[in-house]
Amino acid sequence: MSRTPPSPTALRVAELSQNAQTPFSLRPDADSLRMIAEELDLSALRKLSFEGHLKALGRSDWELKARLGATVVQPCVVTLEPVQTRIDVDVTRLFVQDYEEPEEAEVEMPEDDRTEPLGAWIDPAAIMIEALALEIPEYPRADGAELGQAVYTKPGDTPMTDEDARPFAGLAGLKNQLKDDTTE
């Protein structure tokens, strides 16, 4: 087993204290922020911090608890204007020695998705990037940005709108027509 860490922020499990928490605090520099933004396909990553601790759970398992704070900039999905989002979330991961990978090709996601297999190293920076990737809005929208209704048809035809395509839209008209017929 290599004693060389896979990254500068990785912590060797064998060297962690069983009796005390191991604190960590990550605040990537400007170059690292640019690389992470590029990796996650962001326009910019203005701030990023990940602070927490590792502590032993029993004889062989470990728990990471941390607070992720970030300010991300993405293009609006409607207007392509920059949208700034503030992310502040608590992150928990459980590293379990007796973790069993499912053998089937398709499996149900477990209710507790915080559990991971315990390896020789725990890397808070990798967990920080993973947690950030999970929290980034998939479809950011600028304030007031609305996806309008596009209507297409052949020249001379009446365009069909979303309202016309609703299955019960015509029934309301028929119901009103029947009411009018019965009152006359």
N, C-alpha and C. Protein backbone atom coordinates (compact mmCIF):
# COMPACT_ATOMS: atom_id res chain seq x y z
N MET A 1 0.84 -1.16 0.00
CA MET A 1 0.00 0.00 0.00
C MET A 1 0.89 1.24 0.00
N SER A 2 0.63 2.15 -0.91
CA SER A 2 1.46 3.33 -1.07
C SER A 2 1.24 4.33 0.06
N ARG A 3 2.34 4.92 0.51
CA ARG A 3 2.26 5.96 1.53
C ARG A 3 2.18 7.33 0.88
N THR A 4 2.27 7.37 -0.46
CA THR A 4 2.17 8.64 -1.18
C THR A 4 0.70 8.97 -1.38
N PRO A 5 0.25 10.12 -0.89
CA PRO A 5 -1.17 10.46 -1.00
C PRO A 5 -1.58 10.68 -2.46
N PRO A 6 -2.80 10.31 -2.81
CA PRO A 6 -3.28 10.52 -4.18
C PRO A 6 -3.47 12.00 -4.52
N SER A 7 -3.59 12.85 -3.50
CA SER A 7 -3.69 14.30 -3.70
C SER A 7 -3.14 14.98 -2.45
N PRO A 8 -2.82 16.25 -2.55
CA PRO A 8 -2.27 16.95 -1.38
C PRO A 8 -3.24 17.04 -0.20
N THR A 9 -4.52 16.89 -0.44
CA THR A 9 -5.51 17.02 0.63
C THR A 9 -5.96 15.67 1.20
N ALA A 10 -5.51 14.57 0.62
CA ALA A 10 -5.94 13.25 1.08
C ALA A 10 -5.36 12.94 2.46
N LEU A 11 -6.18 12.30 3.28
CA LEU A 11 -5.78 11.91 4.63
C LEU A 11 -5.68 10.39 4.70
N ARG A 12 -4.54 9.90 5.19
CA ARG A 12 -4.33 8.46 5.32
C ARG A 12 -5.12 7.96 6.53
N VAL A 13 -6.01 7.01 6.30
CA VAL A 13 -6.89 6.50 7.35
C VAL A 13 -6.09 5.90 8.50
N ALA A 14 -5.02 5.19 8.21
CA ALA A 14 -4.22 4.54 9.24
C ALA A 14 -3.57 5.55 10.19
N GLU A 15 -3.42 6.80 9.76
CA GLU A 15 -2.78 7.81 10.58
C GLU A 15 -3.76 8.72 11.31
N LEU A 16 -5.07 8.51 11.12
CA LEU A 16 -6.08 9.32 11.79
C LEU A 16 -6.24 8.87 13.23
N SER A 17 -6.51 9.82 14.11
CA SER A 17 -6.70 9.51 15.53
C SER A 17 -8.05 8.84 15.74
N GLN A 18 -8.05 7.73 16.47
CA GLN A 18 -9.29 7.03 16.81
C GLN A 18 -10.03 7.74 17.94
N ASN A 19 -9.33 8.55 18.71
CA ASN A 19 -9.91 9.14 19.91
C ASN A 19 -10.30 10.60 19.77
N ALA A 20 -9.88 11.26 18.72
CA ALA A 20 -10.18 12.69 18.55
C ALA A 20 -10.59 12.96 17.11
N GLN A 21 -11.34 14.02 16.93
CA GLN A 21 -11.73 14.42 15.59
C GLN A 21 -10.53 15.00 14.85
N THR A 22 -10.52 14.79 13.54
CA THR A 22 -9.48 15.38 12.69
C THR A 22 -10.13 16.49 11.88
N PRO A 23 -9.85 17.76 12.23
CA PRO A 23 -10.48 18.87 11.51
C PRO A 23 -9.79 19.13 10.16
N PHE A 24 -10.54 19.72 9.25
CA PHE A 24 -9.97 20.17 7.97
C PHE A 24 -10.70 21.43 7.54
N SER A 25 -10.02 22.24 6.76
CA SER A 25 -10.60 23.47 6.22
C SER A 25 -9.99 23.71 4.84
N LEU A 26 -10.81 23.67 3.82
CA LEU A 26 -10.33 23.85 2.45
C LEU A 26 -10.92 25.14 1.87
N ARG A 27 -10.05 25.96 1.31
CA ARG A 27 -10.44 27.18 0.60
C ARG A 27 -9.52 27.27 -0.62
N PRO A 28 -9.97 26.70 -1.74
CA PRO A 28 -9.11 26.68 -2.93
C PRO A 28 -8.72 28.08 -3.41
N ASP A 29 -7.50 28.19 -3.96
CA ASP A 29 -7.02 29.46 -4.48
C ASP A 29 -7.66 29.74 -5.85
N ALA A 30 -7.37 30.89 -6.43
CA ALA A 30 -8.01 31.34 -7.67
C ALA A 30 -7.79 30.35 -8.83
N ASP A 31 -6.56 29.82 -8.95
CA ASP A 31 -6.30 28.85 -10.03
C ASP A 31 -7.12 27.58 -9.84
N SER A 32 -7.21 27.11 -8.61
CA SER A 32 -8.01 25.91 -8.33
C SER A 32 -9.48 26.16 -8.59
N LEU A 33 -9.96 27.36 -8.24
CA LEU A 33 -11.37 27.69 -8.50
C LEU A 33 -11.66 27.67 -10.00
N ARG A 34 -10.73 28.19 -10.80
CA ARG A 34 -10.91 28.16 -12.25
C ARG A 34 -10.95 26.73 -12.78
N MET A 35 -10.06 25.88 -12.27
CA MET A 35 -10.03 24.48 -12.73
C MET A 35 -11.31 23.74 -12.34
N ILE A 36 -11.79 23.97 -11.13
CA ILE A 36 -13.02 23.32 -10.68
C ILE A 36 -14.21 23.83 -11.50
N ALA A 37 -14.26 25.13 -11.76
CA ALA A 37 -15.34 25.70 -12.58
C ALA A 37 -15.34 25.09 -13.97
N GLU A 38 -14.16 24.92 -14.54
CA GLU A 38 -14.06 24.31 -15.86
C GLU A 38 -14.51 22.85 -15.83
N GLU A 39 -14.09 22.13 -14.81
CA GLU A 39 -14.46 20.72 -14.66
C GLU A 39 -15.97 20.55 -14.53
N LEU A 40 -16.63 21.48 -13.83
CA LEU A 40 -18.06 21.38 -13.59
C LEU A 40 -18.88 22.18 -14.61
N ASP A 41 -18.23 22.71 -15.62
CA ASP A 41 -18.89 23.46 -16.70
C ASP A 41 -19.65 24.68 -16.16
N LEU A 42 -18.99 25.43 -15.29
CA LEU A 42 -19.55 26.66 -14.74
C LEU A 42 -18.92 27.86 -15.44
N SER A 43 -19.65 28.97 -15.50
CA SER A 43 -19.06 30.20 -16.03
C SER A 43 -17.99 30.72 -15.08
N ALA A 44 -18.27 30.61 -13.77
CA ALA A 44 -17.30 31.04 -12.76
C ALA A 44 -17.64 30.39 -11.44
N LEU A 45 -16.62 30.27 -10.62
CA LEU A 45 -16.77 29.80 -9.25
C LEU A 45 -16.09 30.87 -8.41
N ARG A 46 -16.90 31.68 -7.73
CA ARG A 46 -16.35 32.85 -7.05
C ARG A 46 -15.80 32.53 -5.67
N LYS A 47 -16.49 31.71 -4.94
CA LYS A 47 -16.06 31.35 -3.60
C LYS A 47 -16.30 29.86 -3.41
N LEU A 48 -15.44 29.25 -2.60
CA LEU A 48 -15.63 27.84 -2.27
C LEU A 48 -14.93 27.56 -0.95
N SER A 49 -15.67 27.01 -0.03
CA SER A 49 -15.06 26.59 1.24
C SER A 49 -15.70 25.28 1.67
N PHE A 50 -14.88 24.48 2.36
CA PHE A 50 -15.34 23.17 2.85
C PHE A 50 -14.64 22.95 4.18
N GLU A 51 -15.41 23.06 5.25
CA GLU A 51 -14.84 22.95 6.59
C GLU A 51 -15.59 21.89 7.37
N GLY A 52 -14.83 21.05 8.07
CA GLY A 52 -15.47 20.02 8.87
C GLY A 52 -14.45 19.17 9.60
N HIS A 53 -14.86 17.93 9.85
CA HIS A 53 -13.97 17.02 10.59
C HIS A 53 -14.28 15.57 10.22
N LEU A 54 -13.30 14.73 10.50
CA LEU A 54 -13.45 13.28 10.40
C LEU A 54 -13.39 12.72 11.80
N LYS A 55 -14.24 11.73 12.07
CA LYS A 55 -14.15 11.07 13.37
C LYS A 55 -14.42 9.58 13.20
N ALA A 56 -13.83 8.81 14.09
CA ALA A 56 -13.99 7.36 14.05
C ALA A 56 -15.38 6.97 14.49
N LEU A 57 -15.92 5.96 13.83
CA LEU A 57 -17.18 5.33 14.23
C LEU A 57 -16.86 3.87 14.53
N GLY A 58 -16.74 3.55 15.78
CA GLY A 58 -16.36 2.18 16.14
C GLY A 58 -14.89 1.94 15.86
N ARG A 59 -14.56 0.69 15.55
CA ARG A 59 -13.15 0.33 15.33
C ARG A 59 -12.63 0.62 13.93
N SER A 60 -13.52 0.58 12.92
CA SER A 60 -12.99 0.65 11.57
C SER A 60 -13.71 1.61 10.63
N ASP A 61 -14.83 2.17 11.03
CA ASP A 61 -15.58 3.06 10.14
C ASP A 61 -15.31 4.52 10.51
N TRP A 62 -15.57 5.42 9.54
CA TRP A 62 -15.29 6.84 9.73
C TRP A 62 -16.45 7.67 9.23
N GLU A 63 -16.63 8.82 9.86
CA GLU A 63 -17.69 9.75 9.47
C GLU A 63 -17.05 11.10 9.16
N LEU A 64 -17.42 11.66 8.01
CA LEU A 64 -17.00 13.00 7.63
C LEU A 64 -18.23 13.89 7.72
N LYS A 65 -18.12 14.97 8.47
CA LYS A 65 -19.17 15.99 8.54
C LYS A 65 -18.53 17.32 8.19
N ALA A 66 -19.18 18.05 7.29
CA ALA A 66 -18.61 19.32 6.84
C ALA A 66 -19.70 20.26 6.37
N ARG A 67 -19.31 21.50 6.19
CA ARG A 67 -20.19 22.55 5.65
C ARG A 67 -19.58 23.03 4.35
N LEU A 68 -20.36 22.95 3.28
CA LEU A 68 -19.93 23.40 1.95
C LEU A 68 -20.55 24.76 1.69
N GLY A 69 -19.72 25.72 1.32
CA GLY A 69 -20.20 27.04 0.93
C GLY A 69 -19.59 27.40 -0.42
N ALA A 70 -20.42 27.88 -1.33
CA ALA A 70 -19.92 28.22 -2.67
C ALA A 70 -20.81 29.27 -3.32
N THR A 71 -20.21 30.04 -4.21
CA THR A 71 -20.94 30.96 -5.06
C THR A 71 -20.60 30.59 -6.49
N VAL A 72 -21.61 30.13 -7.25
CA VAL A 72 -21.39 29.68 -8.62
C VAL A 72 -22.11 30.61 -9.59
N VAL A 73 -21.56 30.71 -10.80
CA VAL A 73 -22.17 31.50 -11.86
C VAL A 73 -22.34 30.57 -13.06
N GLN A 74 -23.59 30.53 -13.58
CA GLN A 74 -23.93 29.70 -14.73
C GLN A 74 -24.76 30.54 -15.71
N PRO A 75 -24.81 30.14 -16.97
CA PRO A 75 -25.69 30.84 -17.90
C PRO A 75 -27.15 30.42 -17.68
N CYS A 76 -28.06 31.39 -17.77
CA CYS A 76 -29.49 31.12 -17.67
C CYS A 76 -29.89 30.21 -18.83
N VAL A 77 -30.74 29.21 -18.55
CA VAL A 77 -31.15 28.27 -19.60
C VAL A 77 -32.08 28.91 -20.61
N VAL A 78 -32.64 30.09 -20.31
CA VAL A 78 -33.56 30.76 -21.21
C VAL A 78 -32.86 31.89 -21.96
N THR A 79 -32.17 32.76 -21.20
CA THR A 79 -31.62 33.98 -21.79
C THR A 79 -30.11 33.95 -21.97
N LEU A 80 -29.44 32.99 -21.37
CA LEU A 80 -27.98 32.87 -21.36
C LEU A 80 -27.30 33.98 -20.54
N GLU A 81 -28.08 34.79 -19.81
CA GLU A 81 -27.50 35.78 -18.91
C GLU A 81 -26.85 35.05 -17.74
N PRO A 82 -25.80 35.62 -17.14
CA PRO A 82 -25.18 34.97 -15.98
C PRO A 82 -26.14 34.92 -14.79
N VAL A 83 -26.22 33.76 -14.16
CA VAL A 83 -27.04 33.56 -12.97
C VAL A 83 -26.12 33.15 -11.83
N GLN A 84 -26.15 33.93 -10.76
CA GLN A 84 -25.31 33.64 -9.59
C GLN A 84 -26.16 32.91 -8.56
N THR A 85 -25.62 31.81 -8.03
CA THR A 85 -26.32 31.01 -7.03
C THR A 85 -25.41 30.80 -5.83
N ARG A 86 -25.97 30.99 -4.65
CA ARG A 86 -25.23 30.73 -3.41
C ARG A 86 -25.63 29.35 -2.90
N ILE A 87 -24.64 28.54 -2.58
CA ILE A 87 -24.87 27.19 -2.07
C ILE A 87 -24.28 27.10 -0.68
N ASP A 88 -25.08 26.70 0.28
CA ASP A 88 -24.65 26.46 1.66
C ASP A 88 -25.34 25.19 2.13
N VAL A 89 -24.60 24.10 2.24
CA VAL A 89 -25.19 22.82 2.64
C VAL A 89 -24.26 22.07 3.59
N ASP A 90 -24.89 21.24 4.41
CA ASP A 90 -24.14 20.32 5.25
C ASP A 90 -23.89 19.05 4.47
N VAL A 91 -22.70 18.49 4.62
CA VAL A 91 -22.31 17.27 3.91
C VAL A 91 -21.91 16.23 4.94
N THR A 92 -22.44 15.02 4.78
CA THR A 92 -22.07 13.90 5.64
C THR A 92 -21.74 12.70 4.77
N ARG A 93 -20.64 12.05 5.06
CA ARG A 93 -20.27 10.81 4.38
C ARG A 93 -19.85 9.80 5.44
N LEU A 94 -20.26 8.56 5.26
CA LEU A 94 -19.88 7.46 6.14
C LEU A 94 -19.00 6.52 5.34
N PHE A 95 -17.80 6.28 5.82
CA PHE A 95 -16.85 5.39 5.16
C PHE A 95 -16.85 4.08 5.94
N VAL A 96 -17.34 3.02 5.29
CA VAL A 96 -17.58 1.75 5.97
C VAL A 96 -16.62 0.69 5.43
N GLN A 97 -15.96 -0.01 6.35
CA GLN A 97 -15.01 -1.04 5.95
C GLN A 97 -15.70 -2.23 5.30
N ASP A 98 -16.86 -2.62 5.82
CA ASP A 98 -17.58 -3.79 5.29
C ASP A 98 -18.60 -3.43 4.22
N TYR A 99 -18.33 -2.42 3.44
CA TYR A 99 -19.24 -1.97 2.39
C TYR A 99 -19.31 -3.03 1.29
N GLU A 100 -20.52 -3.35 0.84
CA GLU A 100 -20.69 -4.34 -0.22
C GLU A 100 -21.30 -3.67 -1.44
N GLU A 101 -20.58 -3.78 -2.55
CA GLU A 101 -21.08 -3.26 -3.83
C GLU A 101 -22.16 -4.21 -4.35
N PRO A 102 -23.26 -3.67 -4.90
CA PRO A 102 -24.27 -4.54 -5.50
C PRO A 102 -23.70 -5.27 -6.71
N GLU A 103 -24.11 -6.51 -6.88
CA GLU A 103 -23.59 -7.32 -7.98
C GLU A 103 -24.41 -7.18 -9.26
N GLU A 104 -25.68 -6.83 -9.13
CA GLU A 104 -26.55 -6.73 -10.30
C GLU A 104 -26.20 -5.48 -11.12
N ALA A 105 -26.54 -5.54 -12.41
CA ALA A 105 -26.28 -4.39 -13.28
C ALA A 105 -27.19 -3.22 -12.93
N GLU A 106 -28.43 -3.51 -12.57
CA GLU A 106 -29.38 -2.46 -12.19
C GLU A 106 -29.83 -2.72 -10.77
N VAL A 107 -29.66 -1.71 -9.94
CA VAL A 107 -30.06 -1.83 -8.54
C VAL A 107 -30.79 -0.57 -8.11
N GLU A 108 -31.59 -0.69 -7.06
CA GLU A 108 -32.28 0.46 -6.48
C GLU A 108 -31.27 1.28 -5.69
N MET A 109 -31.44 2.58 -5.71
CA MET A 109 -30.59 3.45 -4.89
C MET A 109 -30.98 3.26 -3.43
N PRO A 110 -30.01 3.08 -2.57
CA PRO A 110 -30.36 2.94 -1.15
C PRO A 110 -30.87 4.26 -0.60
N GLU A 111 -31.68 4.18 0.46
CA GLU A 111 -32.20 5.40 1.06
C GLU A 111 -31.07 6.26 1.61
N ASP A 112 -30.07 5.63 2.19
CA ASP A 112 -28.93 6.36 2.74
C ASP A 112 -27.82 6.36 1.71
N ASP A 113 -27.72 7.44 0.94
CA ASP A 113 -26.71 7.52 -0.11
C ASP A 113 -25.41 8.16 0.37
N ARG A 114 -25.25 8.28 1.68
CA ARG A 114 -24.05 8.89 2.24
C ARG A 114 -22.94 7.86 2.45
N THR A 115 -23.24 6.58 2.34
CA THR A 115 -22.28 5.52 2.67
C THR A 115 -21.39 5.20 1.48
N GLU A 116 -20.09 5.08 1.77
CA GLU A 116 -19.09 4.77 0.75
C GLU A 116 -18.13 3.73 1.30
N PRO A 117 -17.45 3.00 0.40
CA PRO A 117 -16.46 2.04 0.90
C PRO A 117 -15.24 2.76 1.47
N LEU A 118 -14.69 2.19 2.53
CA LEU A 118 -13.50 2.75 3.16
C LEU A 118 -12.26 2.27 2.42
N GLY A 119 -11.44 3.21 2.01
CA GLY A 119 -10.17 2.87 1.37
C GLY A 119 -9.03 3.26 2.30
N ALA A 120 -7.84 3.30 1.77
CA ALA A 120 -6.67 3.69 2.56
C ALA A 120 -6.61 5.20 2.78
N TRP A 121 -7.28 5.96 1.92
CA TRP A 121 -7.24 7.42 1.99
C TRP A 121 -8.66 7.98 1.96
N ILE A 122 -8.87 9.10 2.63
CA ILE A 122 -10.10 9.88 2.53
C ILE A 122 -9.68 11.27 2.08
N ASP A 123 -10.25 11.72 0.96
CA ASP A 123 -9.85 13.00 0.38
C ASP A 123 -10.98 14.03 0.50
N PRO A 124 -10.89 14.94 1.47
CA PRO A 124 -11.94 15.95 1.61
C PRO A 124 -12.13 16.81 0.35
N ALA A 125 -11.08 17.08 -0.40
CA ALA A 125 -11.21 17.90 -1.61
C ALA A 125 -12.06 17.19 -2.66
N ALA A 126 -11.89 15.89 -2.82
CA ALA A 126 -12.71 15.13 -3.77
C ALA A 126 -14.17 15.12 -3.34
N ILE A 127 -14.40 15.01 -2.04
CA ILE A 127 -15.77 15.02 -1.52
C ILE A 127 -16.38 16.41 -1.70
N MET A 128 -15.57 17.46 -1.52
CA MET A 128 -16.03 18.83 -1.72
C MET A 128 -16.51 19.03 -3.16
N ILE A 129 -15.73 18.59 -4.13
CA ILE A 129 -16.08 18.76 -5.55
C ILE A 129 -17.32 17.94 -5.89
N GLU A 130 -17.40 16.72 -5.37
CA GLU A 130 -18.57 15.87 -5.62
C GLU A 130 -19.83 16.51 -5.03
N ALA A 131 -19.75 17.00 -3.79
CA ALA A 131 -20.90 17.63 -3.15
C ALA A 131 -21.32 18.88 -3.91
N LEU A 132 -20.36 19.67 -4.37
CA LEU A 132 -20.67 20.87 -5.14
C LEU A 132 -21.38 20.49 -6.44
N ALA A 133 -20.87 19.47 -7.13
CA ALA A 133 -21.49 19.04 -8.38
C ALA A 133 -22.94 18.61 -8.18
N LEU A 134 -23.22 17.99 -7.04
CA LEU A 134 -24.59 17.54 -6.75
C LEU A 134 -25.52 18.70 -6.40
N GLU A 135 -24.98 19.80 -5.92
CA GLU A 135 -25.80 20.93 -5.48
C GLU A 135 -26.00 22.02 -6.53
N ILE A 136 -25.24 22.00 -7.61
CA ILE A 136 -25.36 23.03 -8.65
C ILE A 136 -26.72 22.91 -9.32
N PRO A 137 -27.44 24.02 -9.48
CA PRO A 137 -28.74 23.94 -10.17
C PRO A 137 -28.57 23.40 -11.59
N GLU A 138 -29.46 22.47 -11.97
CA GLU A 138 -29.38 21.89 -13.31
C GLU A 138 -29.87 22.86 -14.38
N TYR A 139 -30.90 23.64 -14.05
CA TYR A 139 -31.49 24.57 -15.01
C TYR A 139 -31.62 25.95 -14.38
N PRO A 140 -30.51 26.68 -14.26
CA PRO A 140 -30.59 28.00 -13.62
C PRO A 140 -31.37 28.99 -14.49
N ARG A 141 -32.16 29.82 -13.83
CA ARG A 141 -32.94 30.83 -14.54
C ARG A 141 -32.71 32.20 -13.93
N ALA A 142 -32.53 33.18 -14.78
CA ALA A 142 -32.42 34.56 -14.34
C ALA A 142 -33.79 35.01 -13.84
N ASP A 143 -33.82 35.97 -12.93
CA ASP A 143 -35.09 36.49 -12.42
C ASP A 143 -35.94 37.00 -13.57
N GLY A 144 -37.18 36.55 -13.63
CA GLY A 144 -38.11 37.00 -14.66
C GLY A 144 -37.97 36.30 -16.00
N ALA A 145 -37.00 35.41 -16.14
CA ALA A 145 -36.82 34.72 -17.42
C ALA A 145 -37.91 33.66 -17.58
N GLU A 146 -38.63 33.74 -18.67
CA GLU A 146 -39.71 32.79 -18.94
C GLU A 146 -39.49 32.19 -20.31
N LEU A 147 -39.74 30.93 -20.42
CA LEU A 147 -39.67 30.26 -21.70
C LEU A 147 -41.02 30.47 -22.38
N GLY A 148 -41.07 31.29 -23.39
CA GLY A 148 -42.33 31.62 -24.06
C GLY A 148 -42.89 30.42 -24.80
N GLN A 149 -44.04 30.63 -25.38
CA GLN A 149 -44.69 29.56 -26.13
C GLN A 149 -44.36 29.73 -27.60
N ALA A 150 -43.81 28.69 -28.20
CA ALA A 150 -43.50 28.71 -29.63
C ALA A 150 -44.65 28.02 -30.37
N VAL A 151 -45.19 28.67 -31.39
CA VAL A 151 -46.31 28.11 -32.15
C VAL A 151 -45.89 28.08 -33.61
N TYR A 152 -45.97 26.88 -34.21
CA TYR A 152 -45.57 26.70 -35.60
C TYR A 152 -46.72 26.07 -36.38
N THR A 153 -46.88 26.46 -37.64
CA THR A 153 -47.87 25.85 -38.52
C THR A 153 -47.56 26.20 -39.96
N LYS A 154 -48.27 25.53 -40.85
CA LYS A 154 -48.11 25.84 -42.27
C LYS A 154 -48.81 27.17 -42.57
N PRO A 155 -48.30 27.90 -43.55
CA PRO A 155 -48.96 29.16 -43.90
C PRO A 155 -50.43 28.92 -44.27
N GLY A 156 -51.31 29.75 -43.72
CA GLY A 156 -52.74 29.64 -44.02
C GLY A 156 -53.52 28.81 -43.01
N ASP A 157 -52.83 27.95 -42.23
CA ASP A 157 -53.51 27.13 -41.22
C ASP A 157 -53.54 27.88 -39.89
N THR A 158 -54.52 27.52 -39.07
CA THR A 158 -54.58 28.10 -37.72
C THR A 158 -53.61 27.34 -36.84
N PRO A 159 -52.71 28.04 -36.16
CA PRO A 159 -51.74 27.33 -35.32
C PRO A 159 -52.41 26.67 -34.12
N MET A 160 -51.89 25.51 -33.74
CA MET A 160 -52.38 24.78 -32.57
C MET A 160 -51.54 25.20 -31.37
N THR A 161 -52.21 25.63 -30.32
CA THR A 161 -51.51 26.06 -29.11
C THR A 161 -51.51 24.93 -28.09
N ASP A 162 -50.77 25.13 -27.00
CA ASP A 162 -50.77 24.14 -25.92
C ASP A 162 -52.16 23.96 -25.36
N GLU A 163 -52.93 25.05 -25.28
CA GLU A 163 -54.29 24.98 -24.75
C GLU A 163 -55.16 24.09 -25.64
N ASP A 164 -54.98 24.18 -26.96
CA ASP A 164 -55.75 23.35 -27.88
C ASP A 164 -55.40 21.87 -27.74
N ALA A 165 -54.18 21.57 -27.34
CA ALA A 165 -53.73 20.19 -27.25
C ALA A 165 -54.17 19.49 -25.97
N ARG A 166 -54.70 20.23 -25.04
CA ARG A 166 -55.14 19.60 -23.79
C ARG A 166 -56.35 18.73 -24.07
N PRO A 167 -56.38 17.49 -23.54
CA PRO A 167 -57.43 16.54 -23.91
C PRO A 167 -58.84 16.96 -23.49
N PHE A 168 -58.99 17.72 -22.45
CA PHE A 168 -60.33 18.07 -21.98
C PHE A 168 -60.70 19.52 -22.30
N ALA A 169 -59.86 20.20 -23.08
CA ALA A 169 -60.13 21.60 -23.39
C ALA A 169 -61.45 21.74 -24.15
N GLY A 170 -61.73 20.84 -25.08
CA GLY A 170 -62.96 20.91 -25.87
C GLY A 170 -64.19 20.53 -25.08
N LEU A 171 -64.03 19.73 -24.03
CA LEU A 171 -65.20 19.30 -23.25
C LEU A 171 -65.86 20.46 -22.53
N ALA A 172 -65.09 21.42 -22.06
CA ALA A 172 -65.66 22.58 -21.38
C ALA A 172 -66.57 23.35 -22.34
N GLY A 173 -66.14 23.48 -23.58
CA GLY A 173 -66.96 24.16 -24.59
C GLY A 173 -68.23 23.40 -24.88
N LEU A 174 -68.13 22.07 -25.00
CA LEU A 174 -69.32 21.24 -25.24
C LEU A 174 -70.29 21.32 -24.07
N LYS A 175 -69.75 21.32 -22.86
CA LYS A 175 -70.59 21.40 -21.66
C LYS A 175 -71.36 22.72 -21.64
N ASN A 176 -70.67 23.79 -21.95
CA ASN A 176 -71.33 25.10 -22.00
C ASN A 176 -72.39 25.14 -23.11
N GLN A 177 -72.10 24.50 -24.24
CA GLN A 177 -73.05 24.47 -25.36
C GLN A 177 -74.30 23.68 -24.96
N LEU A 178 -74.11 22.55 -24.23
CA LEU A 178 -75.25 21.77 -23.77
C LEU A 178 -76.10 22.56 -22.78
N LYS A 179 -75.47 23.31 -21.90
CA LYS A 179 -76.20 24.14 -20.94
C LYS A 179 -77.05 25.17 -21.69
N ASP A 180 -76.45 25.79 -22.71
CA ASP A 180 -77.18 26.79 -23.49
C ASP A 180 -78.36 26.17 -24.21
N ASP A 181 -78.20 24.93 -24.74
CA ASP A 181 -79.27 24.25 -25.46
C ASP A 181 -80.41 23.88 -24.52
N THR A 182 -80.10 23.49 -23.28
CA THR A 182 -81.15 23.06 -22.35
C THR A 182 -81.89 24.27 -21.75
N THR A 183 -81.30 25.43 -21.71
CA THR A 183 -81.96 26.59 -21.13
C THR A 183 -82.86 27.26 -22.14
N GLU A 184 -82.70 26.99 -23.40
CA GLU A 184 -83.53 27.64 -24.43
C GLU A 184 -84.87 27.01 -24.57
